[in-house]
Amino acid sequence: MNNHPYLLQPMPTYEQPQLRSMPLREQPAYRIAQNATACNLTELMAAVIGGQKQIETAQALLTHFNGDIRRLYRAHPAELAKVKGINQATAVRIKAALNLGQRLNQPGEERPTINSPADAAALVQHEMGLLEKEHLRTLLMDRRNHVMDIVEIYQGSVSSSQVRVGEIFQAAVGRMASAIIVCHNHPTGDPTPSPDDVAVTRAIVQAGKLLDIELMDHLVIGHGGRWVSLKERGLGFN
């Protein structure tokens, strides 16, 4: 079972009781204080929105985005503010709450150690699987395979004709990284590597040899926790 906060399901679209008529133990703030993981998406969103009409507003917001939390995550605050009951300040607060959730998957003070492609995928797949455009990021690694940082390199098409290999290594050279892992997402949701993905990988491997910075892997991130390691498949690394 996937307990990632972005995958929580909204409440059914029946009429929600008003906050003032609800017993305390059924109100969103109380339920979250007791056990936040047991709350549904409407309750979580209502607590972020606040106010006497928080439940109705939360339900209206989810209906506006057809219950699709991916669309809600990607939406600009101005689009959120189109929903009745949500002003600009509330819209910004919602964006902040959603982004705080995805930060749980980024390295903190205790730097993660990468021992397998699955370790690397676990750091980026939840957020990158939600992105609407193609993004390319690098994990900067030290000699002990600790993640020093995650750096965004590109937004847009990751093709062999557009990627400049020097930009991929720029942060790694500046931070004196020993190795990198390249990650990019397929917004279609299908992580199957394309011929361009293989060509880019081959070019990065060759450049890394000249710079003495190893390309440990190239991951393609799809939807639903799916990802592919080009290293495991022998694509671009031979």
C-alpha atoms as a PDB file:
ATOM      1  CA  MET A   1       0.000   0.000   0.000  1.00  0.00           C
ATOM      2  CA  ASN A   2       1.358   3.421  -0.980  1.00  0.00           C
ATOM      3  CA  ASN A   3       1.073   5.915   1.888  1.00  0.00           C
ATOM      4  CA  HIS A   4       2.513   8.868   0.006  1.00  0.00           C
ATOM      5  CA  PRO A   5       0.422  11.969   0.878  1.00  0.00           C
ATOM      6  CA  TYR A   6      -0.201  12.853  -2.776  1.00  0.00           C
ATOM      7  CA  LEU A   7      -2.001   9.558  -3.318  1.00  0.00           C
ATOM      8  CA  LEU A   8      -4.582   9.918  -0.545  1.00  0.00           C
ATOM      9  CA  GLN A   9      -8.108   9.692  -1.890  1.00  0.00           C
ATOM     10  CA  PRO A  10     -10.696  12.482  -1.535  1.00  0.00           C
ATOM     11  CA  MET A  11     -13.952  11.946   0.288  1.00  0.00           C
ATOM     12  CA  PRO A  12     -16.993  11.024  -1.829  1.00  0.00           C
ATOM     13  CA  THR A  13     -18.777  14.001  -3.321  1.00  0.00           C
ATOM     14  CA  TYR A  14     -21.849  13.907  -1.076  1.00  0.00           C
ATOM     15  CA  GLU A  15     -22.935  17.031   0.773  1.00  0.00           C
ATOM     16  CA  GLN A  16     -20.452  17.928   3.504  1.00  0.00           C
ATOM     17  CA  PRO A  17     -21.742  19.068   6.894  1.00  0.00           C
ATOM     18  CA  GLN A  18     -20.796  22.582   7.928  1.00  0.00           C
ATOM     19  CA  LEU A  19     -18.004  22.873  10.458  1.00  0.00           C
ATOM     20  CA  ARG A  20     -20.181  24.556  13.100  1.00  0.00           C
ATOM     21  CA  SER A  21     -22.625  21.636  13.101  1.00  0.00           C
ATOM     22  CA  MET A  22     -19.989  18.923  13.470  1.00  0.00           C
ATOM     23  CA  PRO A  23     -18.972  17.366  16.807  1.00  0.00           C
ATOM     24  CA  LEU A  24     -15.435  18.322  17.778  1.00  0.00           C
ATOM     25  CA  ARG A  25     -14.116  14.787  17.318  1.00  0.00           C
ATOM     26  CA  GLU A  26     -15.266  14.833  13.652  1.00  0.00           C
ATOM     27  CA  GLN A  27     -13.715  18.185  12.744  1.00  0.00           C
ATOM     28  CA  PRO A  28     -10.620  18.096  10.479  1.00  0.00           C
ATOM     29  CA  ALA A  29      -8.237  19.800  12.921  1.00  0.00           C
ATOM     30  CA  TYR A  30      -9.163  17.393  15.727  1.00  0.00           C
ATOM     31  CA  ARG A  31      -8.886  14.303  13.504  1.00  0.00           C
ATOM     32  CA  ILE A  32      -5.512  15.391  12.174  1.00  0.00           C
ATOM     33  CA  ALA A  33      -4.239  15.992  15.705  1.00  0.00           C
ATOM     34  CA  GLN A  34      -5.318  12.463  16.641  1.00  0.00           C
ATOM     35  CA  ASN A  35      -4.052  10.613  13.555  1.00  0.00           C
ATOM     36  CA  ALA A  36      -3.197  12.570  10.408  1.00  0.00           C
ATOM     37  CA  THR A  37      -2.457   9.452   8.347  1.00  0.00           C
ATOM     38  CA  ALA A  38      -6.059   8.269   8.826  1.00  0.00           C
ATOM     39  CA  CYS A  39      -7.509  11.488   7.373  1.00  0.00           C
ATOM     40  CA  ASN A  40      -8.755  11.728   3.821  1.00  0.00           C
ATOM     41  CA  LEU A  41      -7.699  14.404   1.366  1.00  0.00           C
ATOM     42  CA  THR A  42     -10.725  16.620   1.997  1.00  0.00           C
ATOM     43  CA  GLU A  43      -9.977  16.750   5.710  1.00  0.00           C
ATOM     44  CA  LEU A  44      -6.292  17.508   5.143  1.00  0.00           C
ATOM     45  CA  MET A  45      -7.103  20.245   2.648  1.00  0.00           C
ATOM     46  CA  ALA A  46      -9.809  21.728   4.903  1.00  0.00           C
ATOM     47  CA  ALA A  47      -7.323  22.109   7.751  1.00  0.00           C
ATOM     48  CA  VAL A  48      -4.917  23.970   5.446  1.00  0.00           C
ATOM     49  CA  ILE A  49      -7.697  26.259   4.176  1.00  0.00           C
ATOM     50  CA  GLY A  50      -9.151  27.015   7.623  1.00  0.00           C
ATOM     51  CA  GLY A  51     -12.223  29.098   8.457  1.00  0.00           C
ATOM     52  CA  GLN A  52     -15.857  28.191   9.037  1.00  0.00           C
ATOM     53  CA  LYS A  53     -16.402  27.048   5.428  1.00  0.00           C
ATOM     54  CA  GLN A  54     -13.177  25.044   5.178  1.00  0.00           C
ATOM     55  CA  ILE A  55     -14.918  21.744   4.386  1.00  0.00           C
ATOM     56  CA  GLU A  56     -17.149  23.165   1.649  1.00  0.00           C
ATOM     57  CA  THR A  57     -14.202  25.055   0.153  1.00  0.00           C
ATOM     58  CA  ALA A  58     -11.948  21.998   0.252  1.00  0.00           C
ATOM     59  CA  GLN A  59     -14.595  19.928  -1.511  1.00  0.00           C
ATOM     60  CA  ALA A  60     -15.082  22.668  -4.133  1.00  0.00           C
ATOM     61  CA  LEU A  61     -11.330  22.795  -4.746  1.00  0.00           C
ATOM     62  CA  LEU A  62     -11.075  19.033  -5.231  1.00  0.00           C
ATOM     63  CA  THR A  63     -14.105  19.064  -7.524  1.00  0.00           C
ATOM     64  CA  HIS A  64     -12.530  21.866  -9.590  1.00  0.00           C
ATOM     65  CA  PHE A  65      -9.533  19.620 -10.236  1.00  0.00           C
ATOM     66  CA  ASN A  66     -11.640  16.461 -10.652  1.00  0.00           C
ATOM     67  CA  GLY A  67     -10.049  14.949  -7.544  1.00  0.00           C
ATOM     68  CA  ASP A  68      -6.684  14.805  -9.358  1.00  0.00           C
ATOM     69  CA  ILE A  69      -4.015  15.670  -6.793  1.00  0.00           C
ATOM     70  CA  ARG A  70      -1.377  15.751  -9.557  1.00  0.00           C
ATOM     71  CA  ARG A  71      -3.195  18.654 -11.242  1.00  0.00           C
ATOM     72  CA  LEU A  72      -3.637  20.368  -7.892  1.00  0.00           C
ATOM     73  CA  TYR A  73       0.090  20.062  -7.151  1.00  0.00           C
ATOM     74  CA  ARG A  74       1.044  21.519 -10.544  1.00  0.00           C
ATOM     75  CA  ALA A  75      -1.513  24.355 -10.516  1.00  0.00           C
ATOM     76  CA  HIS A  76      -0.400  27.967 -10.178  1.00  0.00           C
ATOM     77  CA  PRO A  77      -1.758  29.817  -7.103  1.00  0.00           C
ATOM     78  CA  ALA A  78      -3.778  32.043  -9.445  1.00  0.00           C
ATOM     79  CA  GLU A  79      -5.665  28.969 -10.684  1.00  0.00           C
ATOM     80  CA  LEU A  80      -6.342  27.824  -7.120  1.00  0.00           C
ATOM     81  CA  ALA A  81      -7.679  31.286  -6.291  1.00  0.00           C
ATOM     82  CA  LYS A  82     -10.372  30.902  -8.970  1.00  0.00           C
ATOM     83  CA  VAL A  83     -12.238  28.568  -6.621  1.00  0.00           C
ATOM     84  CA  LYS A  84     -14.834  30.323  -4.472  1.00  0.00           C
ATOM     85  CA  GLY A  85     -13.594  30.747  -0.908  1.00  0.00           C
ATOM     86  CA  ILE A  86      -9.878  30.641  -1.767  1.00  0.00           C
ATOM     87  CA  ASN A  87      -8.035  33.963  -1.825  1.00  0.00           C
ATOM     88  CA  GLN A  88      -4.437  34.520  -2.882  1.00  0.00           C
ATOM     89  CA  ALA A  89      -3.042  33.988   0.629  1.00  0.00           C
ATOM     90  CA  THR A  90      -4.876  30.669   0.992  1.00  0.00           C
ATOM     91  CA  ALA A  91      -3.747  29.574  -2.466  1.00  0.00           C
ATOM     92  CA  VAL A  92      -0.124  30.231  -1.524  1.00  0.00           C
ATOM     93  CA  ARG A  93      -0.618  28.310   1.732  1.00  0.00           C
ATOM     94  CA  ILE A  94      -1.946  25.299  -0.199  1.00  0.00           C
ATOM     95  CA  LYS A  95       1.029  25.369  -2.580  1.00  0.00           C
ATOM     96  CA  ALA A  96       3.389  25.548   0.386  1.00  0.00           C
ATOM     97  CA  ALA A  97       1.715  22.569   2.086  1.00  0.00           C
ATOM     98  CA  LEU A  98       1.909  20.411  -1.042  1.00  0.00           C
ATOM     99  CA  ASN A  99       5.556  21.278  -1.610  1.00  0.00           C
ATOM    100  CA  LEU A 100       6.444  20.589   2.017  1.00  0.00           C
ATOM    101  CA  GLY A 101       5.135  17.071   1.492  1.00  0.00           C
ATOM    102  CA  GLN A 102       7.369  16.372  -1.483  1.00  0.00           C
ATOM    103  CA  ARG A 103      10.425  17.745   0.339  1.00  0.00           C
ATOM    104  CA  LEU A 104      10.297  14.648   2.544  1.00  0.00           C
ATOM    105  CA  ASN A 105      11.805  12.790  -0.407  1.00  0.00           C
ATOM    106  CA  GLN A 106      14.809  15.084  -0.735  1.00  0.00           C
ATOM    107  CA  PRO A 107      18.094  14.675   1.148  1.00  0.00           C
ATOM    108  CA  GLY A 108      18.165  16.323   4.563  1.00  0.00           C
ATOM    109  CA  GLU A 109      20.966  16.774   7.041  1.00  0.00           C
ATOM    110  CA  GLU A 110      21.605  13.029   7.116  1.00  0.00           C
ATOM    111  CA  ARG A 111      22.834  12.406   3.608  1.00  0.00           C
ATOM    112  CA  PRO A 112      21.368   9.225   2.105  1.00  0.00           C
ATOM    113  CA  THR A 113      23.666   6.501   0.825  1.00  0.00           C
ATOM    114  CA  ILE A 114      22.996   5.046  -2.608  1.00  0.00           C
ATOM    115  CA  ASN A 115      23.577   1.301  -2.796  1.00  0.00           C
ATOM    116  CA  SER A 116      21.237   0.482  -5.673  1.00  0.00           C
ATOM    117  CA  PRO A 117      19.164   2.123  -8.417  1.00  0.00           C
ATOM    118  CA  ALA A 118      16.122   1.702  -6.155  1.00  0.00           C
ATOM    119  CA  ASP A 119      17.783   3.875  -3.495  1.00  0.00           C
ATOM    120  CA  ALA A 120      18.260   6.675  -6.019  1.00  0.00           C
ATOM    121  CA  ALA A 121      14.759   6.318  -7.456  1.00  0.00           C
ATOM    122  CA  ALA A 122      13.248   6.535  -3.972  1.00  0.00           C
ATOM    123  CA  LEU A 123      14.706  10.033  -3.549  1.00  0.00           C
ATOM    124  CA  VAL A 124      13.125  11.518  -6.667  1.00  0.00           C
ATOM    125  CA  GLN A 125      10.300   9.376  -7.994  1.00  0.00           C
ATOM    126  CA  HIS A 126       7.417  10.770  -5.918  1.00  0.00           C
ATOM    127  CA  GLU A 127       7.976  14.378  -6.961  1.00  0.00           C
ATOM    128  CA  MET A 128       9.310  13.815 -10.477  1.00  0.00           C
ATOM    129  CA  GLY A 129       6.443  11.463 -11.248  1.00  0.00           C
ATOM    130  CA  LEU A 130       4.062  14.401 -10.725  1.00  0.00           C
ATOM    131  CA  LEU A 131       5.792  16.858 -13.060  1.00  0.00           C
ATOM    132  CA  GLU A 132       3.924  17.999 -16.155  1.00  0.00           C
ATOM    133  CA  LYS A 133       7.055  18.820 -18.177  1.00  0.00           C
ATOM    134  CA  GLU A 134      10.235  16.858 -18.663  1.00  0.00           C
ATOM    135  CA  HIS A 135      12.918  17.681 -16.075  1.00  0.00           C
ATOM    136  CA  LEU A 136      16.505  16.464 -15.815  1.00  0.00           C
ATOM    137  CA  ARG A 137      18.257  16.386 -12.443  1.00  0.00           C
ATOM    138  CA  THR A 138      21.557  15.053 -11.158  1.00  0.00           C
ATOM    139  CA  LEU A 139      22.355  13.473  -7.830  1.00  0.00           C
ATOM    140  CA  LEU A 140      25.860  14.555  -6.813  1.00  0.00           C
ATOM    141  CA  MET A 141      27.724  11.745  -5.043  1.00  0.00           C
ATOM    142  CA  ASP A 142      30.842  11.670  -2.876  1.00  0.00           C
ATOM    143  CA  ARG A 143      33.378   8.818  -2.710  1.00  0.00           C
ATOM    144  CA  ARG A 144      31.257   6.936  -0.174  1.00  0.00           C
ATOM    145  CA  ASN A 145      28.147   7.095  -2.362  1.00  0.00           C
ATOM    146  CA  HIS A 146      26.511   9.692  -0.122  1.00  0.00           C
ATOM    147  CA  VAL A 147      24.188  12.141  -1.875  1.00  0.00           C
ATOM    148  CA  MET A 148      25.706  15.623  -1.608  1.00  0.00           C
ATOM    149  CA  ASP A 149      22.889  17.412  -3.419  1.00  0.00           C
ATOM    150  CA  ILE A 150      20.182  17.100  -6.063  1.00  0.00           C
ATOM    151  CA  VAL A 151      20.564  19.688  -8.816  1.00  0.00           C
ATOM    152  CA  GLU A 152      18.052  20.555 -11.534  1.00  0.00           C
ATOM    153  CA  ILE A 153      19.722  20.903 -14.935  1.00  0.00           C
ATOM    154  CA  TYR A 154      16.916  21.147 -17.502  1.00  0.00           C
ATOM    155  CA  GLN A 155      13.223  21.745 -17.918  1.00  0.00           C
ATOM    156  CA  GLY A 156      11.847  20.704 -21.264  1.00  0.00           C
ATOM    157  CA  SER A 157      12.695  18.025 -23.782  1.00  0.00           C
ATOM    158  CA  VAL A 158      15.674  15.861 -22.838  1.00  0.00           C
ATOM    159  CA  SER A 159      16.951  14.961 -26.299  1.00  0.00           C
ATOM    160  CA  SER A 160      20.410  14.318 -27.689  1.00  0.00           C
ATOM    161  CA  SER A 161      20.119  17.434 -29.844  1.00  0.00           C
ATOM    162  CA  GLN A 162      19.319  19.766 -26.926  1.00  0.00           C
ATOM    163  CA  VAL A 163      21.227  18.460 -23.903  1.00  0.00           C
ATOM    164  CA  ARG A 164      24.628  20.053 -23.354  1.00  0.00           C
ATOM    165  CA  VAL A 165      26.728  17.504 -21.511  1.00  0.00           C
ATOM    166  CA  GLY A 166      28.921  20.223 -20.002  1.00  0.00           C
ATOM    167  CA  GLU A 167      25.925  21.661 -18.137  1.00  0.00           C
ATOM    168  CA  ILE A 168      25.188  18.262 -16.632  1.00  0.00           C
ATOM    169  CA  PHE A 169      28.667  18.130 -15.097  1.00  0.00           C
ATOM    170  CA  GLN A 170      28.939  21.810 -14.133  1.00  0.00           C
ATOM    171  CA  ALA A 171      27.597  21.409 -10.596  1.00  0.00           C
ATOM    172  CA  ALA A 172      29.485  18.146 -10.103  1.00  0.00           C
ATOM    173  CA  VAL A 173      32.785  19.807 -11.012  1.00  0.00           C
ATOM    174  CA  GLY A 174      32.060  22.791  -8.772  1.00  0.00           C
ATOM    175  CA  ARG A 175      31.189  20.572  -5.788  1.00  0.00           C
ATOM    176  CA  MET A 176      34.039  18.146  -6.511  1.00  0.00           C
ATOM    177  CA  ALA A 177      31.635  15.222  -6.748  1.00  0.00           C
ATOM    178  CA  SER A 178      33.094  11.800  -7.442  1.00  0.00           C
ATOM    179  CA  ALA A 179      30.076  10.533  -9.354  1.00  0.00           C
ATOM    180  CA  ILE A 180      26.616  11.525 -10.528  1.00  0.00           C
ATOM    181  CA  ILE A 181      23.287   9.835 -11.140  1.00  0.00           C
ATOM    182  CA  VAL A 182      21.159  11.446 -13.832  1.00  0.00           C
ATOM    183  CA  CYS A 183      17.366  11.333 -13.470  1.00  0.00           C
ATOM    184  CA  HIS A 184      14.683  12.584 -15.805  1.00  0.00           C
ATOM    185  CA  ASN A 185      10.946  12.028 -16.025  1.00  0.00           C
ATOM    186  CA  HIS A 186       8.596  11.062 -18.828  1.00  0.00           C
ATOM    187  CA  PRO A 187       5.389  13.122 -18.389  1.00  0.00           C
ATOM    188  CA  THR A 188       3.493  10.475 -20.370  1.00  0.00           C
ATOM    189  CA  GLY A 189       3.969   8.175 -17.378  1.00  0.00           C
ATOM    190  CA  ASP A 190       5.770   5.468 -19.380  1.00  0.00           C
ATOM    191  CA  PRO A 191       9.409   5.173 -18.196  1.00  0.00           C
ATOM    192  CA  THR A 192      10.565   3.150 -21.204  1.00  0.00           C
ATOM    193  CA  PRO A 193      13.881   4.717 -22.366  1.00  0.00           C
ATOM    194  CA  SER A 194      13.809   6.356 -25.787  1.00  0.00           C
ATOM    195  CA  PRO A 195      16.654   6.263 -28.349  1.00  0.00           C
ATOM    196  CA  ASP A 196      17.467   9.851 -27.295  1.00  0.00           C
ATOM    197  CA  ASP A 197      17.721   8.729 -23.655  1.00  0.00           C
ATOM    198  CA  VAL A 198      20.274   6.091 -24.669  1.00  0.00           C
ATOM    199  CA  ALA A 199      22.233   8.548 -26.835  1.00  0.00           C
ATOM    200  CA  VAL A 200      22.355  11.124 -24.028  1.00  0.00           C
ATOM    201  CA  THR A 201      23.504   8.442 -21.581  1.00  0.00           C
ATOM    202  CA  ARG A 202      26.310   7.342 -23.896  1.00  0.00           C
ATOM    203  CA  ALA A 203      27.513  10.948 -24.257  1.00  0.00           C
ATOM    204  CA  ILE A 204      27.446  11.520 -20.473  1.00  0.00           C
ATOM    205  CA  VAL A 205      29.420   8.314 -19.843  1.00  0.00           C
ATOM    206  CA  GLN A 206      32.139   9.405 -22.274  1.00  0.00           C
ATOM    207  CA  ALA A 207      32.353  12.927 -20.859  1.00  0.00           C
ATOM    208  CA  GLY A 208      32.500  11.554 -17.324  1.00  0.00           C
ATOM    209  CA  LYS A 209      35.556   9.483 -18.204  1.00  0.00           C
ATOM    210  CA  LEU A 210      37.359  12.621 -19.376  1.00  0.00           C
ATOM    211  CA  LEU A 211      36.396  14.520 -16.222  1.00  0.00           C
ATOM    212  CA  ASP A 212      37.028  11.563 -13.878  1.00  0.00           C
ATOM    213  CA  ILE A 213      33.414  11.778 -12.670  1.00  0.00           C
ATOM    214  CA  GLU A 214      31.562   8.495 -13.030  1.00  0.00           C
ATOM    215  CA  LEU A 215      28.007   8.304 -14.302  1.00  0.00           C
ATOM    216  CA  MET A 216      26.654   5.725 -11.863  1.00  0.00           C
ATOM    217  CA  ASP A 217      23.248   5.468 -13.531  1.00  0.00           C
ATOM    218  CA  HIS A 218      20.589   7.200 -15.585  1.00  0.00           C
ATOM    219  CA  LEU A 219      17.037   6.753 -14.276  1.00  0.00           C
ATOM    220  CA  VAL A 220      13.854   7.433 -16.215  1.00  0.00           C
ATOM    221  CA  ILE A 221      10.918   8.210 -13.905  1.00  0.00           C
ATOM    222  CA  GLY A 222       7.322   7.442 -14.860  1.00  0.00           C
ATOM    223  CA  HIS A 223       3.993   7.524 -13.007  1.00  0.00           C
ATOM    224  CA  GLY A 224       2.770   5.295 -10.227  1.00  0.00           C
ATOM    225  CA  GLY A 225       6.209   4.559  -8.797  1.00  0.00           C
ATOM    226  CA  ARG A 226       7.492   3.133 -12.091  1.00  0.00           C
ATOM    227  CA  TRP A 227      11.066   3.825 -13.162  1.00  0.00           C
ATOM    228  CA  VAL A 228      13.808   2.315 -15.305  1.00  0.00           C
ATOM    229  CA  SER A 229      17.556   2.097 -14.739  1.00  0.00           C
ATOM    230  CA  LEU A 230      19.470   2.358 -18.007  1.00  0.00           C
ATOM    231  CA  LYS A 231      22.517   0.903 -16.220  1.00  0.00           C
ATOM    232  CA  GLU A 232      20.582  -2.241 -15.277  1.00  0.00           C
ATOM    233  CA  ARG A 233      19.383  -2.608 -18.852  1.00  0.00           C
ATOM    234  CA  GLY A 234      22.845  -2.019 -20.301  1.00  0.00           C
ATOM    235  CA  LEU A 235      21.633   0.939 -22.357  1.00  0.00           C
ATOM    236  CA  GLY A 236      24.317   3.545 -23.103  1.00  0.00           C
ATOM    237  CA  PHE A 237      26.821   2.056 -20.658  1.00  0.00           C
ATOM    238  CA  ASN A 238      28.488  -0.561 -22.867  1.00  0.00           C
END
